[in-house]
Every structure is written in C-alpha cells, then in structure tokens.
Amino acid sequence: MARANSHSFWQDRPSPSLDEIEALAGDAFGTLPDAFRKLCGEIVIRVADFPDEDVLDEMGLESPYDLLGLFQGTGLAHRGHVQTGELPNMIWLYRRPLLDFWAESDDTLGHLVAHVLIHEIGHHFGMSDDDMEAIEAEARD
C-alpha cells in the first residue's frame, strides 16, 4: 500500500474554478478593515478567465495574460451624483492570468487574489500605492 504524502493532495485536484477564485476574493474582501469595506458601497466583484478583447485593445495589451485585475467604473475621487442607468463600479479578477502569475511566484493564491483585489479597490478610491500597501498590511494582521 502506497504511503500518503503531501503531494497526493494535488493528484486529483483541478485548477481553481471561477467560483473558487470568487470565493477567495470574497474571503479577502471580508478581511479588509470594516470602515474601508463600508466605503466600497455596492462595488461588484466578478471573475472571468480573461479580459475581453475590448479591454485588451483599450489598454494596448498584447496578451490576455498581462492583466490580473481591472477596476471599471467611476472612482470615488471622480464621482459626482449617480446618474440614472449608471452601471455599478466593478472589479474584475482574471483567473488564468492569476493562476499563471501564481505558478511563477512563492505567494499563496489567496494572498495573490487579495493583493490584486486591494489594488483594484485602491483605484476605486484614488489611493496611492503606499496607501494600498497599508490596507493590505492591516488586512493581514
């Protein structure tokens, strides 16, 4: 009888699904400071395998693997009154680029998803990289 080892965990596991990445993002969002989450309001978090062609063209990207996440909408720093029919602010996380980046790094997938999520939320608030790093550090503690 073969002895079980830690490598057997991966033997029958598929790559994380869209729903599993979305669950990681939800968990990461739940660890953010309460005041920060309340300020996010009705922000919507979505996961797709890749950005669509329009996003790639608009950003001048050559490969769909070049983008891990994207904030779409009007950041709070630039927002006036909400217009009728205006879509909610959204954060997109892209599963395949995230998995590719994860495979090349020493970070856990959960840490990577949290990092990208916080970075994209930071765009929503018009924050600096230092501000985003402070929020990420607080979320880890």
C-alpha atoms as a PDB file:
ATOM      1  CA  MET A   1       0.000   0.000   0.000  1.00  0.00           C
ATOM      2  CA  ALA A   2       1.404   3.376  -1.019  1.00  0.00           C
ATOM      3  CA  ARG A   3       2.134   5.810   1.732  1.00  0.00           C
ATOM      4  CA  ALA A   4       0.109   9.042   1.529  1.00  0.00           C
ATOM      5  CA  ASN A   5       2.167  12.189   1.244  1.00  0.00           C
ATOM      6  CA  SER A   6       1.546  15.888   0.838  1.00  0.00           C
ATOM      7  CA  HIS A   7       1.933  15.611  -2.944  1.00  0.00           C
ATOM      8  CA  SER A   8      -1.118  13.362  -3.190  1.00  0.00           C
ATOM      9  CA  PHE A   9      -3.261  16.429  -2.387  1.00  0.00           C
ATOM     10  CA  TRP A  10      -2.611  17.686  -5.918  1.00  0.00           C
ATOM     11  CA  GLN A  11      -3.019  14.360  -7.695  1.00  0.00           C
ATOM     12  CA  ASP A  12      -6.766  14.626  -8.214  1.00  0.00           C
ATOM     13  CA  ARG A  13      -7.254  18.398  -7.941  1.00  0.00           C
ATOM     14  CA  PRO A  14      -8.249  20.501 -10.932  1.00  0.00           C
ATOM     15  CA  SER A  15      -7.140  24.105 -11.145  1.00  0.00           C
ATOM     16  CA  PRO A  16      -9.269  26.515  -9.104  1.00  0.00           C
ATOM     17  CA  SER A  17     -12.536  27.392 -10.830  1.00  0.00           C
ATOM     18  CA  LEU A  18     -14.036  30.825 -11.404  1.00  0.00           C
ATOM     19  CA  ASP A  19     -16.277  30.244  -8.380  1.00  0.00           C
ATOM     20  CA  GLU A  20     -13.311  29.271  -6.197  1.00  0.00           C
ATOM     21  CA  ILE A  21     -11.380  32.397  -7.198  1.00  0.00           C
ATOM     22  CA  GLU A  22     -14.511  34.458  -6.492  1.00  0.00           C
ATOM     23  CA  ALA A  23     -14.752  32.798  -3.057  1.00  0.00           C
ATOM     24  CA  LEU A  24     -11.091  33.707  -2.374  1.00  0.00           C
ATOM     25  CA  ALA A  25     -11.879  37.293  -3.364  1.00  0.00           C
ATOM     26  CA  GLY A  26     -14.916  37.306  -1.070  1.00  0.00           C
ATOM     27  CA  ASP A  27     -12.791  35.989   1.792  1.00  0.00           C
ATOM     28  CA  ALA A  28     -10.146  38.644   1.094  1.00  0.00           C
ATOM     29  CA  PHE A  29     -12.795  41.371   0.971  1.00  0.00           C
ATOM     30  CA  GLY A  30     -14.083  40.138   4.343  1.00  0.00           C
ATOM     31  CA  THR A  31     -10.655  40.667   5.928  1.00  0.00           C
ATOM     32  CA  LEU A  32     -10.472  44.322   4.927  1.00  0.00           C
ATOM     33  CA  PRO A  33     -10.980  46.881   7.685  1.00  0.00           C
ATOM     34  CA  ASP A  34     -14.695  47.493   8.339  1.00  0.00           C
ATOM     35  CA  ALA A  35     -14.517  51.207   7.587  1.00  0.00           C
ATOM     36  CA  PHE A  36     -12.783  50.507   4.266  1.00  0.00           C
ATOM     37  CA  ARG A  37     -15.392  47.898   3.251  1.00  0.00           C
ATOM     38  CA  LYS A  38     -18.256  50.266   4.121  1.00  0.00           C
ATOM     39  CA  LEU A  39     -16.757  52.925   1.878  1.00  0.00           C
ATOM     40  CA  CYS A  40     -16.775  50.436  -1.017  1.00  0.00           C
ATOM     41  CA  GLY A  41     -20.554  50.516  -1.054  1.00  0.00           C
ATOM     42  CA  GLU A  42     -22.147  48.482  -3.818  1.00  0.00           C
ATOM     43  CA  ILE A  43     -18.939  47.558  -5.618  1.00  0.00           C
ATOM     44  CA  VAL A  44     -19.321  44.316  -7.581  1.00  0.00           C
ATOM     45  CA  ILE A  45     -16.540  41.718  -7.763  1.00  0.00           C
ATOM     46  CA  ARG A  46     -16.504  39.413 -10.787  1.00  0.00           C
ATOM     47  CA  VAL A  47     -14.124  36.746 -12.048  1.00  0.00           C
ATOM     48  CA  ALA A  48     -13.553  35.796 -15.681  1.00  0.00           C
ATOM     49  CA  ASP A  49     -10.940  33.611 -17.300  1.00  0.00           C
ATOM     50  CA  PHE A  50      -9.500  36.510 -19.327  1.00  0.00           C
ATOM     51  CA  PRO A  51     -10.227  40.163 -20.048  1.00  0.00           C
ATOM     52  CA  ASP A  52     -12.341  40.631 -23.157  1.00  0.00           C
ATOM     53  CA  GLU A  53     -10.892  41.895 -26.427  1.00  0.00           C
ATOM     54  CA  ASP A  54     -12.247  45.422 -25.897  1.00  0.00           C
ATOM     55  CA  VAL A  55     -10.323  45.724 -22.617  1.00  0.00           C
ATOM     56  CA  LEU A  56      -7.138  44.394 -24.211  1.00  0.00           C
ATOM     57  CA  ASP A  57      -7.452  46.846 -27.112  1.00  0.00           C
ATOM     58  CA  GLU A  58      -8.322  49.800 -24.871  1.00  0.00           C
ATOM     59  CA  MET A  59      -5.314  49.152 -22.629  1.00  0.00           C
ATOM     60  CA  GLY A  60      -2.966  48.351 -25.515  1.00  0.00           C
ATOM     61  CA  LEU A  61      -2.109  44.914 -24.143  1.00  0.00           C
ATOM     62  CA  GLU A  62      -0.585  42.295 -26.402  1.00  0.00           C
ATOM     63  CA  SER A  63      -1.513  39.278 -24.297  1.00  0.00           C
ATOM     64  CA  PRO A  64      -4.543  38.466 -22.147  1.00  0.00           C
ATOM     65  CA  TYR A  65      -2.040  37.226 -19.531  1.00  0.00           C
ATOM     66  CA  ASP A  66      -0.799  40.798 -18.990  1.00  0.00           C
ATOM     67  CA  LEU A  67      -3.757  41.812 -16.809  1.00  0.00           C
ATOM     68  CA  LEU A  68      -4.583  40.239 -13.426  1.00  0.00           C
ATOM     69  CA  GLY A  69      -7.436  42.536 -12.462  1.00  0.00           C
ATOM     70  CA  LEU A  70      -9.282  45.657 -13.512  1.00  0.00           C
ATOM     71  CA  PHE A  71     -11.390  48.358 -11.905  1.00  0.00           C
ATOM     72  CA  GLN A  72     -14.227  49.511 -14.174  1.00  0.00           C
ATOM     73  CA  GLY A  73     -16.409  52.419 -13.278  1.00  0.00           C
ATOM     74  CA  THR A  74     -16.065  55.843 -11.785  1.00  0.00           C
ATOM     75  CA  GLY A  75     -13.712  56.093  -8.831  1.00  0.00           C
ATOM     76  CA  LEU A  76     -14.985  57.871  -5.762  1.00  0.00           C
ATOM     77  CA  ALA A  77     -12.392  60.582  -6.271  1.00  0.00           C
ATOM     78  CA  HIS A  78     -14.043  61.412  -9.640  1.00  0.00           C
ATOM     79  CA  ARG A  79     -17.665  60.699  -8.832  1.00  0.00           C
ATOM     80  CA  GLY A  80     -20.380  63.310  -8.649  1.00  0.00           C
ATOM     81  CA  HIS A  81     -24.048  62.480  -8.485  1.00  0.00           C
ATOM     82  CA  VAL A  82     -25.022  58.999  -9.614  1.00  0.00           C
ATOM     83  CA  GLN A  83     -26.729  59.094 -12.987  1.00  0.00           C
ATOM     84  CA  THR A  84     -29.817  57.021 -13.757  1.00  0.00           C
ATOM     85  CA  GLY A  85     -28.837  53.846 -15.591  1.00  0.00           C
ATOM     86  CA  GLU A  86     -25.206  54.104 -14.477  1.00  0.00           C
ATOM     87  CA  LEU A  87     -23.631  50.681 -14.028  1.00  0.00           C
ATOM     88  CA  PRO A  88     -22.181  49.833 -10.617  1.00  0.00           C
ATOM     89  CA  ASN A  89     -18.456  50.003 -10.106  1.00  0.00           C
ATOM     90  CA  MET A  90     -16.901  46.606 -10.763  1.00  0.00           C
ATOM     91  CA  ILE A  91     -13.665  44.856 -10.046  1.00  0.00           C
ATOM     92  CA  TRP A  92     -12.709  42.115 -12.451  1.00  0.00           C
ATOM     93  CA  LEU A  93     -10.240  39.409 -11.472  1.00  0.00           C
ATOM     94  CA  TYR A  94      -8.859  37.279 -14.294  1.00  0.00           C
ATOM     95  CA  ARG A  95      -8.448  33.629 -13.337  1.00  0.00           C
ATOM     96  CA  ARG A  96      -5.993  32.391 -15.979  1.00  0.00           C
ATOM     97  CA  PRO A  97      -3.512  35.283 -15.628  1.00  0.00           C
ATOM     98  CA  LEU A  98      -3.776  34.979 -11.828  1.00  0.00           C
ATOM     99  CA  LEU A  99      -3.027  31.251 -11.998  1.00  0.00           C
ATOM    100  CA  ASP A 100      -0.124  31.846 -14.375  1.00  0.00           C
ATOM    101  CA  PHE A 101       1.346  34.519 -12.097  1.00  0.00           C
ATOM    102  CA  TRP A 102       0.774  32.289  -9.043  1.00  0.00           C
ATOM    103  CA  ALA A 103       2.653  29.408 -10.677  1.00  0.00           C
ATOM    104  CA  GLU A 104       5.695  31.686 -11.064  1.00  0.00           C
ATOM    105  CA  SER A 105       5.619  33.120  -7.521  1.00  0.00           C
ATOM    106  CA  ASP A 106       6.148  31.991  -3.950  1.00  0.00           C
ATOM    107  CA  ASP A 107       2.886  33.569  -2.765  1.00  0.00           C
ATOM    108  CA  THR A 108      -0.241  31.632  -1.957  1.00  0.00           C
ATOM    109  CA  LEU A 109      -3.139  32.007  -4.359  1.00  0.00           C
ATOM    110  CA  GLY A 110      -5.202  33.584  -1.579  1.00  0.00           C
ATOM    111  CA  HIS A 111      -2.521  36.213  -0.967  1.00  0.00           C
ATOM    112  CA  LEU A 112      -2.258  37.000  -4.677  1.00  0.00           C
ATOM    113  CA  VAL A 113      -6.036  37.355  -5.094  1.00  0.00           C
ATOM    114  CA  ALA A 114      -6.174  39.608  -2.010  1.00  0.00           C
ATOM    115  CA  HIS A 115      -3.300  41.741  -3.316  1.00  0.00           C
ATOM    116  CA  VAL A 116      -4.935  42.276  -6.714  1.00  0.00           C
ATOM    117  CA  LEU A 117      -8.353  42.916  -5.138  1.00  0.00           C
ATOM    118  CA  ILE A 118      -6.944  45.548  -2.766  1.00  0.00           C
ATOM    119  CA  HIS A 119      -5.020  47.173  -5.610  1.00  0.00           C
ATOM    120  CA  GLU A 120      -8.157  47.421  -7.744  1.00  0.00           C
ATOM    121  CA  ILE A 121     -10.232  48.754  -4.821  1.00  0.00           C
ATOM    122  CA  GLY A 122      -7.460  51.288  -4.319  1.00  0.00           C
ATOM    123  CA  HIS A 123      -8.125  52.550  -7.841  1.00  0.00           C
ATOM    124  CA  HIS A 124     -11.774  52.980  -6.805  1.00  0.00           C
ATOM    125  CA  PHE A 125     -10.656  55.312  -4.014  1.00  0.00           C
ATOM    126  CA  GLY A 126      -7.848  57.001  -5.942  1.00  0.00           C
ATOM    127  CA  MET A 127      -5.294  55.738  -3.405  1.00  0.00           C
ATOM    128  CA  SER A 128      -1.537  55.757  -3.700  1.00  0.00           C
ATOM    129  CA  ASP A 129       0.491  52.534  -3.748  1.00  0.00           C
ATOM    130  CA  ASP A 130       1.629  53.293  -0.173  1.00  0.00           C
ATOM    131  CA  ASP A 131      -1.993  53.617   0.958  1.00  0.00           C
ATOM    132  CA  MET A 132      -2.855  50.296  -0.677  1.00  0.00           C
ATOM    133  CA  GLU A 133       0.120  48.589   0.965  1.00  0.00           C
ATOM    134  CA  ALA A 134      -1.036  49.877   4.366  1.00  0.00           C
ATOM    135  CA  ILE A 135      -4.561  48.491   3.813  1.00  0.00           C
ATOM    136  CA  GLU A 136      -3.098  45.161   2.703  1.00  0.00           C
ATOM    137  CA  ALA A 137      -0.886  45.017   5.812  1.00  0.00           C
ATOM    138  CA  GLU A 138      -3.879  45.783   8.045  1.00  0.00           C
ATOM    139  CA  ALA A 139      -5.942  43.071   6.342  1.00  0.00           C
ATOM    140  CA  ARG A 140      -3.176  40.503   7.016  1.00  0.00           C
ATOM    141  CA  ASP A 141      -2.974  41.407  10.727  1.00  0.00           C
END
